[in-house]
Amino acid sequence: MAGYATRTYWVLCVVFGAGVIAFAVWLVSIIPTQACGGNLPWGTSPFLAYQLSRTTADIEAVFGQEEDRCRRRMVAALDFANKIDLVAFILIYSGFVACFFLAMRRDGYAALARIGLIATVATLGFDVLETSAQLRITGSLPGPVESLVLLTISSAGKFLGLTVAGMCAGAAMLARSGISRLAGVVCVAGAFMVALGLNYLPARPALPLGLGIIFVMMLLYAAVATMRTPPSTTTTRTR
């Protein structure tokens, strides 16, 4: 039964991972590639730039001035994306990360899994606050000051939570043998890239790249674990 439950979590992780990919593809298809206020740095989309806005000037860089023609189209696209994010995607990616750590906990890495699950829950909460703040801001651009403060706190909390989750996932992979260790190194590197991009503006493109690396490493690990974990396996190792 223990092995069956572990494999179930790995399968769910892969299923949620497919949902994350589907949302990412859809998001790219509906979000304009250029911000209304000018070109963004390479690797930074208007969606990410909005999440990381800290001032009125940052908001206007994404949406332009009130008289700009593209403002209405950008507001409509980002509002639609954020509504889907709020009602579906946050739960999908949280389910992906949570199932990864639930499987890792049953696979013998309880301490790392516990920290990862706490980070996942915190990330979910911060993301709900972040998305709610963004929807409020677009309702009356450039938005009230308190909404910008909430956006600043919640977006930083979300990305830091994902950084911690990525480090825990990478550390758990590193504790295994063989190719899993290489995946762990890459995953931890991705987590450091997220932290660097969040805190150092010239390295901003490293943030989405790091998130992508964390996701790919976790998804590949989960897919392999799904195939190698038979339903009858019983795990006795503890950490």
Protein backbone atom coordinates (compact mmCIF):
# COMPACT_ATOMS: atom_id res chain seq x y z
CA MET A 1 0.00 0.00 0.00
CA ALA A 2 2.88 2.38 0.75
CA GLY A 3 4.32 1.85 -2.69
CA TYR A 4 0.91 2.30 -4.31
CA ALA A 5 0.39 5.64 -2.53
CA THR A 6 3.88 6.84 -3.51
CA ARG A 7 3.31 5.97 -7.16
CA THR A 8 -0.10 7.67 -7.07
CA TYR A 9 1.52 10.91 -5.95
CA TRP A 10 4.12 10.65 -8.72
CA VAL A 11 1.38 10.06 -11.31
CA LEU A 12 -0.60 13.04 -10.02
CA CYS A 13 2.56 15.13 -10.15
CA VAL A 14 3.00 14.29 -13.84
CA VAL A 15 -0.67 15.03 -14.56
CA PHE A 16 -0.49 18.41 -12.84
CA GLY A 17 2.78 19.05 -14.67
CA ALA A 18 1.00 18.55 -17.98
CA GLY A 19 -1.53 21.15 -16.83
CA VAL A 20 1.28 23.60 -16.08
CA ILE A 21 2.65 23.14 -19.60
CA ALA A 22 -0.80 23.63 -21.12
CA PHE A 23 -1.30 26.87 -19.21
CA ALA A 24 2.16 28.17 -20.17
CA VAL A 25 1.48 27.52 -23.87
CA TRP A 26 -1.93 29.20 -23.61
CA LEU A 27 -0.47 32.18 -21.77
CA VAL A 28 2.14 32.78 -24.46
CA SER A 29 -0.62 32.71 -27.08
CA ILE A 30 -2.79 35.43 -25.47
CA ILE A 31 -0.28 37.86 -23.91
CA PRO A 32 1.18 40.56 -26.19
CA THR A 33 4.92 40.16 -26.63
CA GLN A 34 5.62 43.88 -26.25
CA ALA A 35 4.66 46.14 -23.37
CA CYS A 36 2.72 49.31 -24.14
CA GLY A 37 5.39 51.49 -22.55
CA GLY A 38 8.27 50.16 -24.65
CA ASN A 39 10.50 47.14 -25.05
CA LEU A 40 11.13 44.89 -22.08
CA PRO A 41 14.47 43.20 -21.33
CA TRP A 42 15.04 39.91 -23.15
CA GLY A 43 13.32 37.04 -21.38
CA THR A 44 10.80 39.28 -19.60
CA SER A 45 7.16 39.21 -20.70
CA PRO A 46 4.52 41.84 -19.87
CA PHE A 47 2.92 39.24 -17.57
CA LEU A 48 6.11 38.88 -15.52
CA ALA A 49 6.88 42.61 -15.67
CA TYR A 50 3.44 43.31 -14.20
CA GLN A 51 4.02 40.81 -11.40
CA LEU A 52 7.31 42.51 -10.55
CA SER A 53 6.03 46.09 -10.80
CA ARG A 54 6.99 48.12 -7.75
CA THR A 55 6.15 51.71 -8.74
CA THR A 56 3.67 53.67 -10.83
CA ALA A 57 6.39 53.99 -13.47
CA ASP A 58 6.68 50.19 -13.63
CA ILE A 59 2.92 49.93 -14.16
CA GLU A 60 3.02 52.51 -16.93
CA ALA A 61 5.91 50.66 -18.58
CA VAL A 62 3.58 47.68 -18.98
CA PHE A 63 0.31 49.47 -19.79
CA GLY A 64 1.50 52.77 -21.25
CA GLN A 65 -0.19 56.10 -20.74
CA GLU A 66 -3.94 56.52 -20.53
CA GLU A 67 -4.17 57.70 -24.13
CA ASP A 68 -2.11 54.80 -25.53
CA ARG A 69 -4.11 52.63 -27.91
CA CYS A 70 -2.71 49.35 -26.67
CA ARG A 71 -3.64 49.92 -23.01
CA ARG A 72 -7.14 48.47 -23.35
CA ARG A 73 -5.84 45.39 -25.15
CA MET A 74 -3.12 44.83 -22.55
CA VAL A 75 -5.55 45.25 -19.65
CA ALA A 76 -7.98 42.77 -21.22
CA ALA A 77 -5.24 40.19 -21.87
CA LEU A 78 -3.63 40.40 -18.42
CA ASP A 79 -6.98 40.51 -16.61
CA PHE A 80 -8.11 37.38 -18.43
CA ALA A 81 -4.82 35.61 -17.68
CA ASN A 82 -4.97 36.62 -14.02
CA LYS A 83 -8.56 35.43 -13.63
CA ILE A 84 -7.64 32.02 -15.03
CA ASP A 85 -4.54 32.07 -12.82
CA LEU A 86 -6.68 32.77 -9.74
CA VAL A 87 -9.37 30.16 -10.34
CA ALA A 88 -7.29 27.37 -11.87
CA PHE A 89 -3.57 27.71 -12.49
CA ILE A 90 -2.52 28.50 -8.92
CA LEU A 91 -4.18 25.25 -7.82
CA ILE A 92 -2.65 23.31 -10.72
CA TYR A 93 0.97 24.30 -10.12
CA SER A 94 0.51 24.06 -6.35
CA GLY A 95 -0.82 20.54 -6.85
CA PHE A 96 2.21 19.72 -8.98
CA VAL A 97 4.70 20.88 -6.34
CA ALA A 98 2.70 19.45 -3.42
CA CYS A 99 2.42 15.99 -5.03
CA PHE A 100 6.17 16.02 -5.69
CA PHE A 101 6.92 16.58 -2.02
CA LEU A 102 4.21 14.18 -0.81
CA ALA A 103 5.83 11.49 -2.95
CA MET A 104 9.29 12.44 -1.70
CA ARG A 105 8.06 12.23 1.89
CA ARG A 106 6.81 8.70 1.34
CA ASP A 107 10.05 7.94 -0.50
CA GLY A 108 12.06 8.63 2.63
CA TYR A 109 12.86 12.36 2.60
CA ALA A 110 10.45 13.60 5.25
CA ALA A 111 12.40 16.65 6.48
CA LEU A 112 13.01 18.15 3.04
CA ALA A 113 9.47 17.30 1.97
CA ARG A 114 8.04 19.03 5.04
CA ILE A 115 9.92 22.26 4.30
CA GLY A 116 8.93 22.02 0.65
CA LEU A 117 5.26 21.59 1.53
CA ILE A 118 5.34 24.59 3.86
CA ALA A 119 6.93 26.65 1.09
CA THR A 120 4.25 25.42 -1.32
CA VAL A 121 1.40 26.49 0.95
CA ALA A 122 3.05 29.88 1.54
CA THR A 123 3.55 30.33 -2.21
CA LEU A 124 -0.10 29.55 -2.86
CA GLY A 125 -1.22 32.18 -0.35
CA PHE A 126 1.14 34.83 -1.69
CA ASP A 127 0.08 34.08 -5.26
CA VAL A 128 -3.61 34.54 -4.44
CA LEU A 129 -2.79 37.92 -2.86
CA GLU A 130 -0.58 38.88 -5.80
CA THR A 131 -3.18 38.07 -8.43
CA SER A 132 -5.94 39.80 -6.47
CA ALA A 133 -3.78 42.93 -6.21
CA GLN A 134 -3.12 42.90 -9.95
CA LEU A 135 -6.82 42.66 -10.74
CA ARG A 136 -7.49 45.59 -8.43
CA ILE A 137 -4.75 47.69 -10.02
CA THR A 138 -6.03 47.20 -13.57
CA GLY A 139 -9.46 48.24 -12.36
CA SER A 140 -8.14 51.79 -11.81
CA LEU A 141 -4.71 52.20 -13.40
CA PRO A 142 -2.10 52.92 -12.19
CA GLY A 143 -3.79 51.60 -9.06
CA PRO A 144 -3.94 52.69 -5.43
CA VAL A 145 -0.72 52.84 -3.43
CA GLU A 146 -1.83 50.08 -1.05
CA SER A 147 -2.34 47.71 -3.98
CA LEU A 148 1.21 48.34 -5.18
CA VAL A 149 2.51 47.65 -1.69
CA LEU A 150 0.51 44.41 -1.54
CA LEU A 151 1.77 43.45 -5.01
CA THR A 152 5.37 44.08 -3.94
CA ILE A 153 5.07 41.94 -0.80
CA SER A 154 3.06 39.12 -2.33
CA SER A 155 5.09 38.73 -5.54
CA ALA A 156 8.37 38.70 -3.60
CA GLY A 157 6.90 36.15 -1.18
CA LYS A 158 5.69 33.96 -4.03
CA PHE A 159 9.02 33.83 -5.84
CA LEU A 160 10.95 33.30 -2.61
CA GLY A 161 8.59 30.44 -1.77
CA LEU A 162 9.25 28.89 -5.17
CA THR A 163 12.98 29.35 -4.57
CA VAL A 164 12.78 27.41 -1.31
CA ALA A 165 10.65 24.71 -2.92
CA GLY A 166 13.16 24.38 -5.77
CA MET A 167 16.07 24.09 -3.36
CA CYS A 168 14.28 21.40 -1.33
CA ALA A 169 13.40 19.46 -4.46
CA GLY A 170 16.98 19.71 -5.71
CA ALA A 171 18.41 18.67 -2.35
CA ALA A 172 16.16 15.60 -2.26
CA MET A 173 17.34 14.63 -5.75
CA LEU A 174 20.96 15.17 -4.72
CA ALA A 175 20.48 12.69 -1.88
CA ARG A 176 19.72 9.97 -4.43
CA SER A 177 22.30 8.20 -6.55
CA GLY A 178 23.08 8.21 -10.25
CA ILE A 179 21.55 10.67 -12.69
CA SER A 180 19.24 12.01 -9.96
CA ARG A 181 22.20 13.88 -8.49
CA LEU A 182 22.78 15.75 -11.75
CA ALA A 183 19.08 16.68 -11.85
CA GLY A 184 19.41 17.89 -8.27
CA VAL A 185 22.37 20.12 -9.09
CA VAL A 186 20.50 21.65 -12.03
CA CYS A 187 17.36 22.16 -9.93
CA VAL A 188 19.28 23.91 -7.15
CA ALA A 189 20.98 26.09 -9.77
CA GLY A 190 17.55 27.02 -11.10
CA ALA A 191 16.45 28.05 -7.61
CA PHE A 192 19.49 30.31 -7.25
CA MET A 193 18.65 31.85 -10.63
CA VAL A 194 15.15 32.70 -9.41
CA ALA A 195 16.54 34.39 -6.29
CA LEU A 196 19.13 36.28 -8.36
CA GLY A 197 16.60 37.49 -10.90
CA LEU A 198 14.23 38.62 -8.18
CA ASN A 199 16.81 40.68 -6.31
CA TYR A 200 19.12 41.94 -9.08
CA LEU A 201 17.45 43.87 -11.90
CA PRO A 202 20.11 43.26 -14.62
CA ALA A 203 19.68 39.52 -14.01
CA ARG A 204 15.86 39.66 -14.25
CA PRO A 205 15.71 37.24 -17.24
CA ALA A 206 17.29 34.59 -14.98
CA LEU A 207 14.06 34.47 -12.95
CA PRO A 208 11.72 32.90 -15.54
CA LEU A 209 14.56 30.74 -16.85
CA GLY A 210 15.25 29.45 -13.34
CA LEU A 211 11.56 28.68 -12.80
CA GLY A 212 11.52 26.75 -16.05
CA ILE A 213 14.58 24.75 -15.02
CA ILE A 214 13.05 23.86 -11.64
CA PHE A 215 9.81 22.76 -13.28
CA VAL A 216 11.48 20.66 -15.97
CA MET A 217 13.79 18.90 -13.50
CA MET A 218 10.93 18.12 -11.11
CA LEU A 219 8.68 16.92 -13.92
CA LEU A 220 11.36 14.68 -15.46
CA TYR A 221 12.19 13.25 -12.05
CA ALA A 222 8.49 12.58 -11.37
CA ALA A 223 8.04 10.90 -14.76
CA VAL A 224 11.00 8.59 -14.16
CA ALA A 225 9.87 7.89 -10.59
CA THR A 226 6.41 6.95 -11.87
CA MET A 227 7.90 4.26 -14.07
CA ARG A 228 10.39 2.92 -11.55
CA THR A 229 8.05 2.76 -8.51
CA PRO A 230 5.98 -0.44 -8.64
CA PRO A 231 2.71 -0.49 -6.67
CA SER A 232 4.03 -3.19 -4.36
CA THR A 233 7.12 -1.24 -3.25
CA THR A 234 7.35 -0.60 0.49
CA THR A 235 9.61 2.24 1.63
CA THR A 236 11.39 1.86 4.94
CA ARG A 237 14.17 4.46 4.73
CA THR A 238 13.78 7.55 6.88
CA ARG A 239 15.44 10.93 6.81
